[in-house]
Amino acid sequence: MLYVLMGDDKQVHAVSDKPLSSDWQLVDMDDESLKLFLQKNPEISAGIMESSDAGFIRVLEDVIDLLIDKQLIQFTEFPDAVQTKLLNRRRYRESLRSNSDSTRLLEDDDEIF
């Protein structure tokens, strides 16, 4: 779903992933005027796909982790190149999580006693 700005001609004149004012309307991706707008503006269409791809990749990583956790597949069954990419992504996501964790009371080099 995207937000669109419609003109008086009932055609899409702009798209956004969030409403920028009360004039923006939420439309389904199957909306004919949205499809026409995206066909006429392939650079915008490509940007929407790239944004969607990034979210989908995170979902796919979570599905892979779930399948491994449930022992439906084994990590070692993936080709070496895939294992490397998955490990790099996992490390990167973990570092983002730990850097933004505001619940940490002690730093890694702090001693309790």
N, C-alpha and C. Protein backbone atom coordinates (compact mmCIF):
# COMPACT_ATOMS: atom_id res chain seq x y z
N MET A 1 0.84 -1.17 0.00
CA MET A 1 0.00 0.00 0.00
C MET A 1 0.89 1.25 0.00
N LEU A 2 0.48 2.21 -0.80
CA LEU A 2 1.19 3.48 -0.90
C LEU A 2 0.20 4.63 -0.74
N TYR A 3 0.74 5.77 -0.37
CA TYR A 3 -0.06 6.98 -0.33
C TYR A 3 0.16 7.72 -1.64
N VAL A 4 -0.91 8.25 -2.18
CA VAL A 4 -0.83 8.97 -3.45
C VAL A 4 -1.48 10.33 -3.32
N LEU A 5 -1.00 11.23 -4.15
CA LEU A 5 -1.60 12.55 -4.27
C LEU A 5 -2.30 12.58 -5.61
N MET A 6 -3.62 12.68 -5.58
CA MET A 6 -4.43 12.68 -6.80
C MET A 6 -4.69 14.11 -7.25
N GLY A 7 -4.69 14.29 -8.55
CA GLY A 7 -5.04 15.58 -9.12
C GLY A 7 -6.54 15.66 -9.36
N ASP A 8 -6.99 16.81 -9.84
CA ASP A 8 -8.40 16.99 -10.16
C ASP A 8 -8.84 16.03 -11.26
N ASP A 9 -7.88 15.56 -12.05
CA ASP A 9 -8.19 14.62 -13.13
C ASP A 9 -8.29 13.17 -12.64
N LYS A 10 -8.20 12.97 -11.31
CA LYS A 10 -8.28 11.65 -10.67
C LYS A 10 -7.11 10.74 -11.05
N GLN A 11 -6.02 11.37 -11.46
CA GLN A 11 -4.80 10.64 -11.78
C GLN A 11 -3.77 10.88 -10.67
N VAL A 12 -2.91 9.89 -10.46
CA VAL A 12 -1.86 10.00 -9.45
C VAL A 12 -0.79 10.97 -9.96
N HIS A 13 -0.42 11.90 -9.09
CA HIS A 13 0.61 12.89 -9.44
C HIS A 13 1.87 12.71 -8.60
N ALA A 14 1.76 11.98 -7.47
CA ALA A 14 2.92 11.74 -6.61
C ALA A 14 2.62 10.55 -5.72
N VAL A 15 3.67 9.87 -5.26
CA VAL A 15 3.52 8.74 -4.34
C VAL A 15 4.46 8.92 -3.16
N SER A 16 4.08 8.28 -2.05
CA SER A 16 4.89 8.33 -0.84
C SER A 16 4.57 7.10 0.01
N ASP A 17 5.51 6.73 0.87
CA ASP A 17 5.24 5.61 1.77
C ASP A 17 4.51 6.06 3.04
N LYS A 18 4.31 7.38 3.17
CA LYS A 18 3.54 7.92 4.30
C LYS A 18 2.79 9.16 3.83
N PRO A 19 1.69 9.48 4.49
CA PRO A 19 0.93 10.67 4.07
C PRO A 19 1.69 11.94 4.43
N LEU A 20 1.83 12.84 3.48
CA LEU A 20 2.56 14.08 3.70
C LEU A 20 1.63 15.23 4.06
N SER A 21 0.35 15.01 3.87
CA SER A 21 -0.68 15.97 4.28
C SER A 21 -2.01 15.23 4.26
N SER A 22 -3.07 15.92 4.60
CA SER A 22 -4.39 15.27 4.61
C SER A 22 -4.91 15.00 3.19
N ASP A 23 -4.24 15.56 2.18
CA ASP A 23 -4.64 15.33 0.79
C ASP A 23 -4.19 13.97 0.25
N TRP A 24 -3.27 13.32 0.93
CA TRP A 24 -2.72 12.05 0.46
C TRP A 24 -3.68 10.92 0.81
N GLN A 25 -3.88 10.02 -0.15
CA GLN A 25 -4.81 8.90 0.01
C GLN A 25 -4.05 7.58 -0.02
N LEU A 26 -4.46 6.65 0.81
CA LEU A 26 -3.89 5.32 0.81
C LEU A 26 -4.54 4.50 -0.30
N VAL A 27 -3.71 3.91 -1.16
CA VAL A 27 -4.25 3.09 -2.26
C VAL A 27 -3.55 1.74 -2.28
N ASP A 28 -4.23 0.78 -2.82
CA ASP A 28 -3.69 -0.56 -3.00
C ASP A 28 -2.75 -0.56 -4.21
N MET A 29 -1.81 -1.47 -4.22
CA MET A 29 -0.86 -1.56 -5.34
C MET A 29 -1.56 -1.95 -6.65
N ASP A 30 -2.78 -2.46 -6.57
CA ASP A 30 -3.53 -2.84 -7.77
C ASP A 30 -4.30 -1.68 -8.39
N ASP A 31 -4.26 -0.52 -7.77
CA ASP A 31 -4.98 0.64 -8.27
C ASP A 31 -4.48 1.00 -9.68
N GLU A 32 -5.40 1.13 -10.62
CA GLU A 32 -5.03 1.36 -12.03
C GLU A 32 -4.30 2.68 -12.23
N SER A 33 -4.73 3.75 -11.55
CA SER A 33 -4.05 5.03 -11.73
C SER A 33 -2.64 4.99 -11.14
N LEU A 34 -2.44 4.21 -10.07
CA LEU A 34 -1.10 4.05 -9.51
C LEU A 34 -0.22 3.27 -10.48
N LYS A 35 -0.76 2.21 -11.05
CA LYS A 35 0.01 1.42 -12.03
C LYS A 35 0.44 2.28 -13.21
N LEU A 36 -0.47 3.10 -13.70
CA LEU A 36 -0.17 3.98 -14.83
C LEU A 36 0.93 4.98 -14.46
N PHE A 37 0.83 5.57 -13.27
CA PHE A 37 1.84 6.52 -12.80
C PHE A 37 3.21 5.85 -12.73
N LEU A 38 3.27 4.63 -12.16
CA LEU A 38 4.54 3.93 -12.02
C LEU A 38 5.11 3.52 -13.36
N GLN A 39 4.25 3.19 -14.33
CA GLN A 39 4.74 2.87 -15.67
C GLN A 39 5.37 4.09 -16.34
N LYS A 40 4.80 5.26 -16.08
CA LYS A 40 5.32 6.49 -16.67
C LYS A 40 6.56 7.00 -15.94
N ASN A 41 6.78 6.50 -14.72
CA ASN A 41 7.90 6.96 -13.88
C ASN A 41 8.70 5.76 -13.37
N PRO A 42 9.47 5.12 -14.27
CA PRO A 42 10.18 3.90 -13.87
C PRO A 42 11.19 4.10 -12.75
N GLU A 43 11.75 5.29 -12.62
CA GLU A 43 12.72 5.52 -11.54
C GLU A 43 12.04 5.47 -10.17
N ILE A 44 10.81 5.93 -10.10
CA ILE A 44 10.06 5.85 -8.85
C ILE A 44 9.68 4.40 -8.57
N SER A 45 9.26 3.72 -9.60
CA SER A 45 8.91 2.30 -9.48
C SER A 45 10.11 1.49 -8.99
N ALA A 46 11.29 1.77 -9.52
CA ALA A 46 12.51 1.06 -9.10
C ALA A 46 12.82 1.35 -7.64
N GLY A 47 12.63 2.58 -7.22
CA GLY A 47 12.86 2.94 -5.81
C GLY A 47 11.93 2.21 -4.86
N ILE A 48 10.68 2.06 -5.28
CA ILE A 48 9.70 1.35 -4.46
C ILE A 48 10.11 -0.12 -4.34
N MET A 49 10.55 -0.71 -5.45
CA MET A 49 10.99 -2.10 -5.42
C MET A 49 12.22 -2.28 -4.53
N GLU A 50 13.17 -1.37 -4.61
CA GLU A 50 14.37 -1.46 -3.77
C GLU A 50 14.01 -1.38 -2.30
N SER A 51 13.11 -0.50 -1.96
CA SER A 51 12.68 -0.37 -0.57
C SER A 51 11.97 -1.65 -0.12
N SER A 52 11.14 -2.19 -0.98
CA SER A 52 10.45 -3.43 -0.68
C SER A 52 11.42 -4.59 -0.55
N ASP A 53 12.44 -4.62 -1.41
CA ASP A 53 13.43 -5.69 -1.37
C ASP A 53 14.17 -5.71 -0.04
N ALA A 54 14.52 -4.55 0.48
CA ALA A 54 15.25 -4.48 1.74
C ALA A 54 14.43 -5.10 2.87
N GLY A 55 13.15 -4.79 2.93
CA GLY A 55 12.29 -5.39 3.96
C GLY A 55 12.12 -6.88 3.77
N PHE A 56 12.01 -7.29 2.51
CA PHE A 56 11.83 -8.71 2.22
C PHE A 56 13.08 -9.51 2.59
N ILE A 57 14.24 -8.94 2.38
CA ILE A 57 15.48 -9.62 2.73
C ILE A 57 15.53 -9.90 4.23
N ARG A 58 15.10 -8.93 5.04
CA ARG A 58 15.08 -9.14 6.49
C ARG A 58 14.12 -10.26 6.86
N VAL A 59 12.98 -10.30 6.19
CA VAL A 59 12.01 -11.38 6.44
C VAL A 59 12.62 -12.73 6.06
N LEU A 60 13.26 -12.77 4.92
CA LEU A 60 13.87 -14.01 4.45
C LEU A 60 14.96 -14.50 5.41
N GLU A 61 15.77 -13.58 5.93
CA GLU A 61 16.79 -13.95 6.92
C GLU A 61 16.14 -14.56 8.15
N ASP A 62 15.05 -13.96 8.61
CA ASP A 62 14.34 -14.49 9.78
C ASP A 62 13.77 -15.87 9.51
N VAL A 63 13.26 -16.09 8.31
CA VAL A 63 12.72 -17.42 7.95
C VAL A 63 13.85 -18.45 7.94
N ILE A 64 14.99 -18.08 7.37
CA ILE A 64 16.13 -19.00 7.35
C ILE A 64 16.55 -19.34 8.78
N ASP A 65 16.65 -18.33 9.65
CA ASP A 65 17.01 -18.58 11.05
C ASP A 65 15.99 -19.49 11.73
N LEU A 66 14.73 -19.28 11.46
CA LEU A 66 13.68 -20.12 12.05
C LEU A 66 13.80 -21.56 11.58
N LEU A 67 14.03 -21.76 10.29
CA LEU A 67 14.18 -23.12 9.75
C LEU A 67 15.41 -23.81 10.36
N ILE A 68 16.47 -23.07 10.58
CA ILE A 68 17.66 -23.63 11.21
C ILE A 68 17.37 -23.97 12.67
N ASP A 69 16.72 -23.04 13.38
CA ASP A 69 16.38 -23.27 14.79
C ASP A 69 15.49 -24.50 14.97
N LYS A 70 14.58 -24.71 14.04
CA LYS A 70 13.67 -25.85 14.12
C LYS A 70 14.30 -27.12 13.53
N GLN A 71 15.55 -26.99 13.11
CA GLN A 71 16.33 -28.09 12.55
C GLN A 71 15.66 -28.71 11.31
N LEU A 72 15.00 -27.87 10.53
CA LEU A 72 14.43 -28.32 9.26
C LEU A 72 15.48 -28.26 8.15
N ILE A 73 16.43 -27.36 8.31
CA ILE A 73 17.59 -27.31 7.43
C ILE A 73 18.81 -27.10 8.32
N GLN A 74 19.96 -27.43 7.81
CA GLN A 74 21.20 -27.20 8.54
C GLN A 74 21.98 -26.09 7.84
N PHE A 75 22.58 -25.25 8.65
CA PHE A 75 23.35 -24.14 8.12
C PHE A 75 24.42 -24.63 7.15
N THR A 76 25.03 -25.76 7.46
CA THR A 76 26.11 -26.30 6.64
C THR A 76 25.63 -26.82 5.30
N GLU A 77 24.32 -26.94 5.10
CA GLU A 77 23.79 -27.36 3.80
C GLU A 77 23.86 -26.25 2.76
N PHE A 78 24.00 -25.03 3.21
CA PHE A 78 24.11 -23.92 2.28
C PHE A 78 25.51 -23.90 1.67
N PRO A 79 25.65 -23.44 0.43
CA PRO A 79 26.99 -23.28 -0.16
C PRO A 79 27.82 -22.30 0.68
N ASP A 80 29.13 -22.42 0.60
CA ASP A 80 30.04 -21.59 1.40
C ASP A 80 29.76 -20.09 1.22
N ALA A 81 29.53 -19.67 -0.02
CA ALA A 81 29.28 -18.25 -0.27
C ALA A 81 28.01 -17.77 0.45
N VAL A 82 26.99 -18.61 0.49
CA VAL A 82 25.74 -18.26 1.17
C VAL A 82 25.97 -18.22 2.68
N GLN A 83 26.72 -19.18 3.20
CA GLN A 83 27.02 -19.19 4.63
C GLN A 83 27.74 -17.90 5.03
N THR A 84 28.70 -17.49 4.22
CA THR A 84 29.45 -16.27 4.50
C THR A 84 28.53 -15.05 4.52
N LYS A 85 27.67 -14.96 3.52
CA LYS A 85 26.75 -13.82 3.45
C LYS A 85 25.79 -13.82 4.64
N LEU A 86 25.26 -14.98 4.98
CA LEU A 86 24.34 -15.06 6.12
C LEU A 86 25.05 -14.68 7.42
N LEU A 87 26.26 -15.17 7.62
CA LEU A 87 27.01 -14.83 8.84
C LEU A 87 27.32 -13.34 8.90
N ASN A 88 27.71 -12.76 7.77
CA ASN A 88 28.00 -11.32 7.75
C ASN A 88 26.76 -10.51 8.09
N ARG A 89 25.64 -10.88 7.49
CA ARG A 89 24.37 -10.17 7.78
C ARG A 89 23.97 -10.35 9.23
N ARG A 90 24.12 -11.55 9.76
CA ARG A 90 23.76 -11.82 11.16
C ARG A 90 24.62 -10.97 12.09
N ARG A 91 25.93 -10.92 11.82
CA ARG A 91 26.83 -10.11 12.66
C ARG A 91 26.46 -8.62 12.57
N TYR A 92 26.18 -8.17 11.37
CA TYR A 92 25.82 -6.77 11.19
C TYR A 92 24.53 -6.43 11.92
N ARG A 93 23.51 -7.26 11.76
CA ARG A 93 22.24 -7.00 12.44
C ARG A 93 22.41 -7.05 13.95
N GLU A 94 23.24 -7.97 14.44
CA GLU A 94 23.49 -8.07 15.88
C GLU A 94 24.22 -6.83 16.39
N SER A 95 25.17 -6.32 15.61
CA SER A 95 25.87 -5.11 16.04
C SER A 95 24.92 -3.92 16.07
N LEU A 96 23.99 -3.85 15.12
CA LEU A 96 23.00 -2.76 15.14
C LEU A 96 22.11 -2.87 16.36
N ARG A 97 21.71 -4.09 16.68
CA ARG A 97 20.86 -4.32 17.84
C ARG A 97 21.59 -3.93 19.12
N SER A 98 22.84 -4.33 19.27
CA SER A 98 23.56 -4.05 20.51
C SER A 98 23.91 -2.57 20.63
N ASN A 99 24.17 -1.90 19.50
CA ASN A 99 24.49 -0.47 19.54
C ASN A 99 23.28 0.37 19.93
N SER A 100 22.10 -0.08 19.59
CA SER A 100 20.90 0.71 19.89
C SER A 100 20.20 0.24 21.16
N ASP A 101 20.79 -0.72 21.86
CA ASP A 101 20.18 -1.27 23.08
C ASP A 101 20.39 -0.28 24.23
N SER A 102 19.34 0.43 24.58
CA SER A 102 19.44 1.43 25.65
C SER A 102 19.20 0.81 27.03
N THR A 103 18.95 -0.49 27.08
CA THR A 103 18.70 -1.13 28.37
C THR A 103 19.99 -1.61 29.03
N ARG A 104 21.10 -1.49 28.34
CA ARG A 104 22.37 -1.95 28.90
C ARG A 104 22.79 -1.00 30.01
N LEU A 105 22.97 -1.55 31.21
CA LEU A 105 23.37 -0.75 32.35
C LEU A 105 24.88 -0.66 32.49
N LEU A 106 25.58 -1.69 32.00
CA LEU A 106 27.03 -1.72 32.07
C LEU A 106 27.61 -1.82 30.67
N GLU A 107 28.72 -1.17 30.48
CA GLU A 107 29.45 -1.31 29.22
C GLU A 107 30.22 -2.61 29.25
N ASP A 108 30.70 -3.08 28.11
CA ASP A 108 31.41 -4.34 28.04
C ASP A 108 32.66 -4.37 28.91
N ASP A 109 33.32 -3.22 29.07
CA ASP A 109 34.56 -3.21 29.85
C ASP A 109 34.32 -2.87 31.33
N ASP A 110 33.08 -2.62 31.74
CA ASP A 110 32.76 -2.36 33.14
C ASP A 110 32.83 -3.64 33.94
N GLU A 111 33.29 -3.52 35.18
CA GLU A 111 33.31 -4.67 36.09
C GLU A 111 32.19 -4.51 37.10
N ILE A 112 31.59 -5.64 37.46
CA ILE A 112 30.51 -5.60 38.44
C ILE A 112 31.07 -5.40 39.84
N PHE A 113 32.15 -6.07 40.14
CA PHE A 113 32.75 -5.97 41.49
C PHE A 113 34.10 -5.36 41.42
